Amino acid sequence: MGVLMSYKQKNKYSFSIPEYPLPQNYLSDIEKAPYTERQYLGQPDMVLLDDEKTLITVYPIGHGAGPIVMMISRNRGQTWEEKKDIPLSWKSSYETPTLYKLDLLNGQTKLVMITGLPYWHGNSQGGWRTSISHDKGQTWNEYRTFHPTLATGKQNHSLVAMASLIQLRDAKGRKMDKWMGVYHDVNFVNYRTYLTFDSKGHEQWSAPEPYLVHYRNLEQEYQICEVGLFRSPDEKRIVGLARTQSHCHRSVMFYSDDEGATWTKPKEVTAALLGERHKIIYDPISHRLLITFREIVLDVNRSGEIEKDDWVAGDWLAWVGTYEDVIGGKEGQYRIRIAEDWTNSPKSGDTGYAGVTVTSDGVFLLNSYGHWDREFSSNWTGEVTQDLSYIKLASFKLSQVDQALGLLENSR
């Protein structure tokens, strides 16, 4: 069911900033298919092309694994059409897909979809798989597998590959045709790998290596994973915002001032950012950050302490604040409850993995999966991963939320 908590009693697991429920008229369905083989649709990702009209989204039929569906909109999400001529290898996907738009220095654009290869659903192969489009999504390559084993000789069973894929810069701050991707494994070791392209345009991925090795004890205790990477406003710093699967700690933040070579010690952030699968993007109008995630609530009984199993998952959330808020551990400005999830389980909250885009005029176009149909899910008695879960699109400007909250100075 939906999780609506009172945060008047202040402690380190609570917050005091306002929370705005996004009105239904800002939401629409991309695909909803009850009583079909697509009743449960899983974690999506999405990109916006340079025309600022075309959206491409991918998601699995199933929870984190299953055949990949690709939907395309040519009008900012008003209507959608399924792409049928997709690679056959997409049918055997074992992880939530991630989707990225790569802008090369020569003016070319490549789209890359990536899926991990964890040890589940009968899969025994390691590494990760990629499928690339060189023509803005019209055609896609069959899956290619990279780095099935680690340097240690062990199988490289990747989870949420790539949780982030961020373009790097040289010593003078100039963009390079080089991207750093990050993922994790079941032991919560977080890896980085570098993507480049050879003279013929073929992708090259470097051997993965752990990048939080100096903080391994903390990484393991907190169970750090699903790292969302973004840059500081001056673009000189890369910041990571991460899930903590321990469910005993708040989400953590760490950063690098040398393009990901070294990182600061992870530290907990405000409870207002407590969640999973953070995706981060700047508002081009006000230059604030919008961060979406699956809501997590710790200290459910508000005792001020974390007891055993003292957590619950909630809804699809977005946090709005500044870069300085994140770095300084401040609460931020406000939160947006984008859509309420009605997962019929004790922990609720099967939602929040999202595709995150924004247009140059400040229209946020976000999508996620979830159990949005309260009546259906309340009456569902089967497995949660077979319940009705479907894909919604949210479309709004921060100025609209500002005005609703009486924060007119931010809308100018």
Protein backbone atom coordinates (compact mmCIF):
# COMPACT_ATOMS: atom_id res chain seq x y z
CA MET A 1 0.00 0.00 0.00
CA GLY A 2 1.02 3.63 -0.21
CA VAL A 3 3.21 4.92 2.62
CA LEU A 4 2.35 8.33 4.04
CA MET A 5 4.33 9.09 7.20
CA SER A 6 4.20 11.99 9.65
CA TYR A 7 7.58 13.63 10.15
CA LYS A 8 6.73 16.13 12.89
CA GLN A 9 8.89 14.26 15.42
CA LYS A 10 12.35 15.19 14.17
CA ASN A 11 15.24 12.74 14.29
CA LYS A 12 17.96 11.68 11.88
CA TYR A 13 15.57 9.34 10.09
CA SER A 14 12.96 12.04 9.45
CA PHE A 15 12.73 15.39 7.67
CA SER A 16 10.66 18.57 7.79
CA ILE A 17 10.51 19.88 4.21
CA PRO A 18 7.09 19.93 2.50
CA GLU A 19 5.93 17.15 0.23
CA TYR A 20 3.72 17.83 -2.79
CA PRO A 21 1.46 15.11 -4.24
CA LEU A 22 1.64 15.43 -8.02
CA PRO A 23 -1.89 15.87 -9.44
CA GLN A 24 -3.19 13.12 -11.72
CA ASN A 25 -3.36 15.44 -14.72
CA TYR A 26 0.45 15.44 -14.84
CA LEU A 27 0.49 11.64 -15.16
CA SER A 28 -0.34 9.29 -18.03
CA ASP A 29 0.03 5.58 -18.80
CA ILE A 30 2.64 4.38 -21.27
CA GLU A 31 1.51 0.77 -21.05
CA LYS A 32 -1.01 -0.97 -18.79
CA ALA A 33 -1.94 -4.58 -19.63
CA PRO A 34 -3.97 -6.38 -16.94
CA TYR A 35 -4.93 -10.03 -17.52
CA THR A 36 -2.27 -10.47 -20.23
CA GLU A 37 1.27 -11.86 -20.36
CA ARG A 38 2.36 -8.27 -19.77
CA GLN A 39 0.46 -7.83 -16.52
CA TYR A 40 3.74 -7.20 -14.69
CA LEU A 41 6.00 -4.66 -16.41
CA GLY A 42 9.27 -3.83 -14.71
CA GLN A 43 11.96 -1.22 -14.27
CA PRO A 44 12.25 1.26 -17.18
CA ASP A 45 14.86 3.66 -18.43
CA MET A 46 14.37 6.42 -20.99
CA VAL A 47 16.23 8.93 -23.17
CA LEU A 48 15.17 12.14 -24.89
CA LEU A 49 16.60 12.82 -28.36
CA ASP A 50 17.94 16.17 -29.56
CA ASP A 51 14.68 17.15 -31.24
CA GLU A 52 13.29 17.39 -27.68
CA LYS A 53 10.20 15.54 -28.83
CA THR A 54 11.30 11.93 -29.25
CA LEU A 55 11.34 9.74 -26.17
CA ILE A 56 12.62 6.16 -26.23
CA THR A 57 11.96 3.91 -23.26
CA VAL A 58 12.79 0.28 -22.52
CA TYR A 59 11.55 -2.03 -19.78
CA PRO A 60 11.30 -5.78 -19.10
CA ILE A 61 8.21 -7.97 -19.09
CA GLY A 62 8.81 -9.17 -15.55
CA HIS A 63 10.57 -8.01 -12.40
CA GLY A 64 14.10 -7.05 -13.42
CA ALA A 65 14.29 -9.87 -15.95
CA GLY A 66 12.37 -10.84 -19.05
CA PRO A 67 11.92 -9.83 -22.70
CA ILE A 68 12.66 -6.16 -23.35
CA VAL A 69 9.94 -3.86 -24.65
CA MET A 70 10.84 -0.64 -26.50
CA MET A 71 8.29 2.15 -26.80
CA ILE A 72 8.79 5.39 -28.74
CA SER A 73 6.96 8.71 -28.53
CA ARG A 74 7.41 11.49 -31.10
CA ASN A 75 5.45 14.09 -29.13
CA ARG A 76 6.93 14.22 -25.62
CA GLY A 77 4.89 11.30 -24.40
CA GLN A 78 1.41 12.23 -25.58
CA THR A 79 1.22 9.02 -27.63
CA TRP A 80 3.40 5.90 -27.78
CA GLU A 81 4.14 3.21 -30.33
CA GLU A 82 5.88 -0.08 -29.64
CA LYS A 83 8.95 -0.82 -31.74
CA LYS A 84 8.49 -4.34 -33.08
CA ASP A 85 11.68 -4.81 -35.13
CA ILE A 86 14.05 -5.28 -32.22
CA PRO A 87 16.95 -7.74 -31.82
CA LEU A 88 16.01 -11.33 -31.03
CA SER A 89 18.58 -11.44 -28.24
CA TRP A 90 16.55 -8.92 -26.23
CA LYS A 91 14.12 -11.74 -25.43
CA SER A 92 16.62 -13.33 -23.05
CA SER A 93 17.37 -10.40 -20.75
CA TYR A 94 18.25 -11.07 -17.12
CA GLU A 95 18.39 -7.60 -15.59
CA THR A 96 16.71 -4.22 -15.59
CA PRO A 97 17.83 -2.38 -18.75
CA THR A 98 19.64 0.94 -18.65
CA LEU A 99 19.59 3.32 -21.62
CA TYR A 100 22.02 6.12 -22.46
CA LYS A 101 22.51 8.73 -25.16
CA LEU A 102 26.17 9.31 -26.01
CA ASP A 103 27.16 12.51 -27.79
CA LEU A 104 30.54 12.07 -29.45
CA LEU A 105 32.95 14.91 -30.17
CA ASN A 106 32.59 14.42 -33.94
CA GLY A 107 28.89 15.22 -33.73
CA GLN A 108 27.68 11.63 -33.90
CA THR A 109 25.14 10.25 -31.45
CA LYS A 110 25.03 6.70 -30.21
CA LEU A 111 22.32 5.12 -28.07
CA VAL A 112 23.35 2.22 -25.86
CA MET A 113 21.18 -0.18 -23.91
CA ILE A 114 22.91 -2.23 -21.22
CA THR A 115 21.70 -5.21 -19.20
CA GLY A 116 23.55 -7.04 -16.45
CA LEU A 117 24.08 -10.77 -16.08
CA PRO A 118 23.42 -11.70 -12.45
CA TYR A 119 23.30 -15.25 -11.15
CA TRP A 120 19.53 -15.73 -11.20
CA HIS A 121 16.63 -16.84 -13.42
CA GLY A 122 18.74 -19.72 -14.66
CA ASN A 123 21.57 -17.52 -15.93
CA SER A 124 25.13 -18.70 -15.33
CA GLN A 125 26.96 -16.34 -17.69
CA GLY A 126 28.84 -13.36 -16.28
CA GLY A 127 29.58 -9.85 -17.55
CA TRP A 128 27.10 -7.44 -19.05
CA ARG A 129 25.49 -7.09 -22.46
CA THR A 130 25.08 -4.07 -24.69
CA SER A 131 23.02 -3.20 -27.75
CA ILE A 132 23.87 -0.04 -29.69
CA SER A 133 21.99 2.14 -32.16
CA HIS A 134 23.94 4.41 -34.52
CA ASP A 135 20.82 5.93 -36.14
CA LYS A 136 18.89 7.44 -33.22
CA GLY A 137 17.04 4.27 -32.35
CA GLN A 138 15.91 3.11 -35.79
CA THR A 139 18.06 -0.04 -35.73
CA TRP A 140 19.87 -1.85 -32.92
CA ASN A 141 22.68 -4.40 -32.76
CA GLU A 142 22.19 -7.81 -31.22
CA TYR A 143 23.55 -8.13 -27.68
CA ARG A 144 27.30 -8.26 -27.21
CA THR A 145 28.75 -9.61 -23.95
CA PHE A 146 31.70 -7.97 -22.19
CA HIS A 147 33.96 -9.18 -19.37
CA PRO A 148 32.25 -12.41 -18.29
CA THR A 149 35.04 -12.95 -15.74
CA LEU A 150 36.96 -10.64 -13.43
CA ALA A 151 40.74 -10.30 -13.18
CA THR A 152 40.53 -12.71 -10.23
CA GLY A 153 39.08 -15.37 -12.52
CA LYS A 154 35.71 -15.29 -10.80
CA GLN A 155 32.45 -14.92 -12.71
CA ASN A 156 31.47 -11.26 -13.13
CA HIS A 157 27.78 -11.37 -12.21
CA SER A 158 26.76 -7.73 -12.62
CA LEU A 159 23.73 -6.05 -11.07
CA VAL A 160 22.14 -2.86 -12.45
CA ALA A 161 24.72 -2.40 -15.19
CA MET A 162 25.27 0.43 -15.73
CA ALA A 163 23.63 2.26 -12.82
CA SER A 164 25.37 5.34 -14.24
CA LEU A 165 27.38 6.07 -17.37
CA ILE A 166 28.98 9.50 -17.15
CA GLN A 167 31.13 11.28 -19.73
CA LEU A 168 34.65 12.12 -18.56
CA ARG A 169 36.83 15.19 -19.09
CA ASP A 170 40.55 15.74 -19.63
CA ALA A 171 42.91 17.73 -17.40
CA LYS A 172 41.74 20.98 -19.02
CA GLY A 173 38.08 20.20 -18.41
CA ARG A 174 37.27 19.32 -22.01
CA LYS A 175 34.84 16.51 -22.78
CA MET A 176 36.34 13.26 -24.03
CA ASP A 177 34.92 10.32 -25.96
CA LYS A 178 35.22 8.31 -22.77
CA TRP A 179 32.55 7.32 -20.29
CA MET A 180 32.74 5.75 -16.85
CA GLY A 181 30.11 3.11 -16.05
CA VAL A 182 29.36 1.69 -12.60
CA TYR A 183 27.59 -1.39 -11.30
CA HIS A 184 27.72 -3.74 -8.28
CA ASP A 185 27.60 -7.45 -7.43
CA VAL A 186 25.76 -9.52 -4.80
CA ASN A 187 28.52 -8.85 -2.26
CA PHE A 188 28.05 -5.11 -2.71
CA VAL A 189 31.39 -4.57 -4.37
CA ASN A 190 31.00 -1.55 -6.64
CA TYR A 191 32.88 -1.66 -9.95
CA ARG A 192 33.81 0.89 -12.57
CA THR A 193 34.56 0.31 -16.23
CA TYR A 194 35.47 2.74 -19.01
CA LEU A 195 33.72 2.87 -22.37
CA THR A 196 35.56 4.14 -25.45
CA PHE A 197 35.26 3.58 -29.20
CA ASP A 198 38.02 2.52 -31.57
CA SER A 199 38.80 4.12 -34.96
CA LYS A 200 36.07 2.03 -36.60
CA GLY A 201 33.47 3.03 -34.03
CA HIS A 202 33.46 -0.29 -32.17
CA GLU A 203 32.81 -0.11 -28.44
CA GLN A 204 35.60 -1.00 -26.02
CA TRP A 205 34.99 -1.62 -22.32
CA SER A 206 37.93 -1.70 -19.90
CA ALA A 207 38.35 -4.49 -17.36
CA PRO A 208 36.12 -3.72 -14.36
CA GLU A 209 37.77 -2.76 -11.08
CA PRO A 210 36.41 -1.96 -7.60
CA TYR A 211 36.48 1.78 -6.96
CA LEU A 212 35.51 2.02 -3.27
CA VAL A 213 38.23 -0.41 -2.20
CA HIS A 214 39.59 1.99 0.46
CA TYR A 215 36.19 1.95 2.16
CA ARG A 216 35.43 -1.74 1.74
CA ASN A 217 34.30 -2.28 5.35
CA LEU A 218 31.83 0.58 5.13
CA GLU A 219 30.75 -0.44 1.62
CA GLN A 220 29.97 -3.92 2.92
CA GLU A 221 28.31 -2.79 6.18
CA TYR A 222 26.03 -0.28 4.46
CA GLN A 223 25.59 -2.54 1.42
CA ILE A 224 26.18 0.35 -0.99
CA CYS A 225 24.81 -0.14 -4.50
CA GLU A 226 23.01 1.43 -7.49
CA VAL A 227 25.20 4.54 -7.52
CA GLY A 228 23.75 7.56 -9.31
CA LEU A 229 26.51 9.83 -10.66
CA PHE A 230 26.20 13.52 -11.51
CA ARG A 231 28.45 16.55 -11.83
CA SER A 232 28.74 19.69 -9.72
CA PRO A 233 27.47 22.91 -11.37
CA ASP A 234 31.03 23.85 -12.41
CA GLU A 235 31.40 20.29 -13.79
CA LYS A 236 34.71 19.75 -11.98
CA ARG A 237 33.42 17.22 -9.45
CA ILE A 238 31.62 13.89 -9.91
CA VAL A 239 29.22 13.07 -7.09
CA GLY A 240 27.77 9.66 -6.28
CA LEU A 241 24.46 9.15 -4.48
CA ALA A 242 23.80 5.56 -3.48
CA ARG A 243 21.30 3.09 -2.08
CA THR A 244 22.14 1.31 1.19
CA GLN A 245 20.61 -2.16 1.13
CA SER A 246 21.36 -2.73 4.83
CA HIS A 247 18.13 -0.87 5.64
CA CYS A 248 19.91 0.33 8.77
CA HIS A 249 21.48 3.45 7.28
CA ARG A 250 20.42 6.44 5.26
CA SER A 251 21.50 6.77 1.65
CA VAL A 252 25.10 7.85 1.17
CA MET A 253 27.03 10.40 -0.86
CA PHE A 254 30.66 10.50 -1.96
CA TYR A 255 32.55 12.45 -4.62
CA SER A 256 35.63 12.57 -6.80
CA ASP A 257 37.66 15.60 -7.85
CA ASP A 258 39.86 13.62 -10.25
CA GLU A 259 37.33 12.19 -12.73
CA GLY A 260 36.58 9.08 -10.70
CA ALA A 261 40.15 7.98 -9.98
CA THR A 262 39.73 8.44 -6.21
CA TRP A 263 36.70 9.01 -3.99
CA THR A 264 35.89 10.52 -0.63
CA LYS A 265 34.60 8.40 2.23
CA PRO A 266 30.86 7.75 1.80
CA LYS A 267 28.72 9.65 4.29
CA GLU A 268 25.01 9.55 5.01
CA VAL A 269 22.75 12.22 3.50
CA THR A 270 19.51 13.72 4.72
CA ALA A 271 16.56 11.41 5.36
CA ALA A 272 14.69 13.41 2.71
CA LEU A 273 16.88 11.56 0.17
CA LEU A 274 16.51 8.14 1.78
CA GLY A 275 15.71 5.78 -1.06
CA GLU A 276 16.82 3.41 -3.78
CA ARG A 277 17.92 3.84 -7.40
CA HIS A 278 18.58 7.58 -7.33
CA LYS A 279 18.54 9.30 -10.74
CA ILE A 280 19.80 12.88 -10.78
CA ILE A 281 19.23 15.73 -13.23
CA TYR A 282 19.47 19.55 -13.22
CA ASP A 283 16.57 21.88 -13.93
CA PRO A 284 17.82 24.08 -16.82
CA ILE A 285 15.68 27.00 -15.64
CA SER A 286 16.40 27.32 -11.91
CA HIS A 287 19.55 25.12 -11.87
CA ARG A 288 18.17 23.12 -8.96
CA LEU A 289 18.53 19.36 -8.77
CA LEU A 290 15.66 16.94 -9.22
CA ILE A 291 16.41 13.47 -7.88
CA THR A 292 13.97 10.59 -8.30
CA PHE A 293 14.04 7.37 -6.28
CA ARG A 294 12.04 4.63 -4.61
CA GLU A 295 11.10 5.95 -1.19
CA ILE A 296 12.46 4.13 1.87
CA VAL A 297 11.30 4.87 5.41
CA LEU A 298 13.51 3.87 8.35
CA ASP A 299 12.44 3.90 12.01
CA VAL A 300 8.83 3.20 11.13
CA ASN A 301 7.67 3.41 14.74
CA ARG A 302 9.49 6.76 15.20
CA SER A 303 11.43 5.58 18.24
CA GLY A 304 14.59 7.30 17.11
CA GLU A 305 16.41 3.98 16.78
CA ILE A 306 16.58 1.32 14.06
CA GLU A 307 15.34 -2.00 15.35
CA LYS A 308 15.34 -5.28 13.44
CA ASP A 309 13.45 -5.05 10.16
CA ASP A 310 12.48 -1.46 11.00
CA TRP A 311 11.91 -0.22 7.46
CA VAL A 312 9.35 -0.07 4.70
CA ALA A 313 9.43 0.95 1.03
CA GLY A 314 7.06 3.62 -0.20
CA ASP A 315 6.20 5.45 -3.39
CA TRP A 316 7.82 7.01 -6.46
CA LEU A 317 9.40 10.19 -5.11
CA ALA A 318 11.36 13.17 -6.35
CA TRP A 319 13.49 15.48 -4.22
CA VAL A 320 14.14 19.09 -5.21
CA GLY A 321 17.01 21.12 -3.83
CA THR A 322 20.45 22.46 -4.65
CA TYR A 323 23.83 20.89 -5.19
CA GLU A 324 24.95 22.60 -1.99
CA ASP A 325 22.11 20.88 -0.13
CA VAL A 326 23.35 17.45 -1.20
CA ILE A 327 27.00 18.16 -0.41
CA GLY A 328 26.15 19.87 2.88
CA GLY A 329 23.74 17.20 4.10
CA LYS A 330 20.80 19.61 4.14
CA GLU A 331 17.16 18.62 3.70
CA GLY A 332 16.59 20.50 0.45
CA GLN A 333 13.54 22.49 -0.62
CA TYR A 334 10.69 20.00 -1.06
CA ARG A 335 9.72 16.53 -2.21
CA ILE A 336 7.23 15.49 -4.88
CA ARG A 337 5.20 12.33 -4.40
CA ILE A 338 4.97 11.54 -8.10
CA ALA A 339 2.74 8.47 -7.83
CA GLU A 340 1.48 6.28 -5.00
CA ASP A 341 2.33 2.58 -5.13
CA TRP A 342 -0.05 -0.08 -3.77
CA THR A 343 2.16 -3.17 -3.73
CA ASN A 344 0.30 -5.77 -1.67
CA SER A 345 3.17 -6.92 0.54
CA PRO A 346 4.43 -6.13 4.06
CA LYS A 347 7.26 -3.97 2.70
CA SER A 348 5.23 -2.32 -0.09
CA GLY A 349 7.02 -0.04 -2.56
CA ASP A 350 7.79 -2.01 -5.75
CA THR A 351 8.42 1.13 -7.80
CA GLY A 352 10.80 4.04 -8.29
CA TYR A 353 13.35 2.84 -10.86
CA ALA A 354 12.93 5.62 -13.38
CA GLY A 355 13.86 7.13 -16.69
CA VAL A 356 14.74 10.79 -16.15
CA THR A 357 14.87 13.48 -18.85
CA VAL A 358 14.28 17.23 -19.11
CA THR A 359 13.79 19.58 -22.07
CA SER A 360 15.65 22.86 -22.51
CA ASP A 361 12.49 24.75 -21.50
CA GLY A 362 12.29 22.88 -18.22
CA VAL A 363 9.70 20.16 -18.86
CA PHE A 364 10.61 17.08 -16.83
CA LEU A 365 9.62 13.85 -18.56
CA LEU A 366 10.01 10.95 -16.14
CA ASN A 367 8.75 7.38 -16.22
CA SER A 368 8.64 4.53 -13.75
CA TYR A 369 6.94 1.23 -13.05
CA GLY A 370 4.65 0.50 -10.13
CA HIS A 371 1.51 -1.04 -8.70
CA TRP A 372 -0.56 2.05 -9.42
CA ASP A 373 -4.01 0.43 -9.49
CA ARG A 374 -5.11 0.37 -5.85
CA GLU A 375 -8.21 -1.75 -6.36
CA PHE A 376 -6.44 -4.38 -8.47
CA SER A 377 -3.42 -4.73 -6.17
CA SER A 378 -5.52 -4.72 -2.99
CA ASN A 379 -7.39 -7.75 -4.29
CA TRP A 380 -4.33 -9.54 -5.67
CA THR A 381 -3.44 -12.71 -3.74
CA GLY A 382 -0.64 -14.06 -5.93
CA GLU A 383 3.05 -13.24 -6.06
CA VAL A 384 3.91 -9.54 -6.03
CA THR A 385 5.99 -10.05 -9.18
CA GLN A 386 2.88 -11.26 -11.02
CA ASP A 387 0.57 -8.47 -9.83
CA LEU A 388 -0.48 -5.61 -12.11
CA SER A 389 2.57 -3.37 -12.46
CA TYR A 390 2.68 -0.89 -15.30
CA ILE A 391 4.53 2.11 -16.72
CA LYS A 392 3.55 5.71 -16.06
CA LEU A 393 4.91 8.97 -17.45
CA ALA A 394 5.09 12.18 -15.41
CA SER A 395 5.35 15.51 -17.22
CA PHE A 396 5.69 18.81 -15.34
CA LYS A 397 7.80 21.89 -14.70
CA LEU A 398 9.23 22.82 -11.33
CA SER A 399 7.60 26.23 -11.71
CA GLN A 400 4.22 24.49 -11.55
CA VAL A 401 5.15 22.84 -8.26
CA ASP A 402 6.68 26.07 -6.95
CA GLN A 403 3.47 27.95 -7.60
CA ALA A 404 1.35 25.25 -5.97
CA LEU A 405 3.54 25.51 -2.86
CA GLY A 406 3.57 29.31 -2.90
CA LEU A 407 7.26 29.51 -3.79
CA LEU A 408 6.88 32.05 -6.56
CA GLU A 409 10.43 33.39 -6.33
CA ASN A 410 11.73 30.11 -7.76
CA SER A 411 9.50 30.38 -10.82
CA ARG A 412 11.04 33.51 -12.20
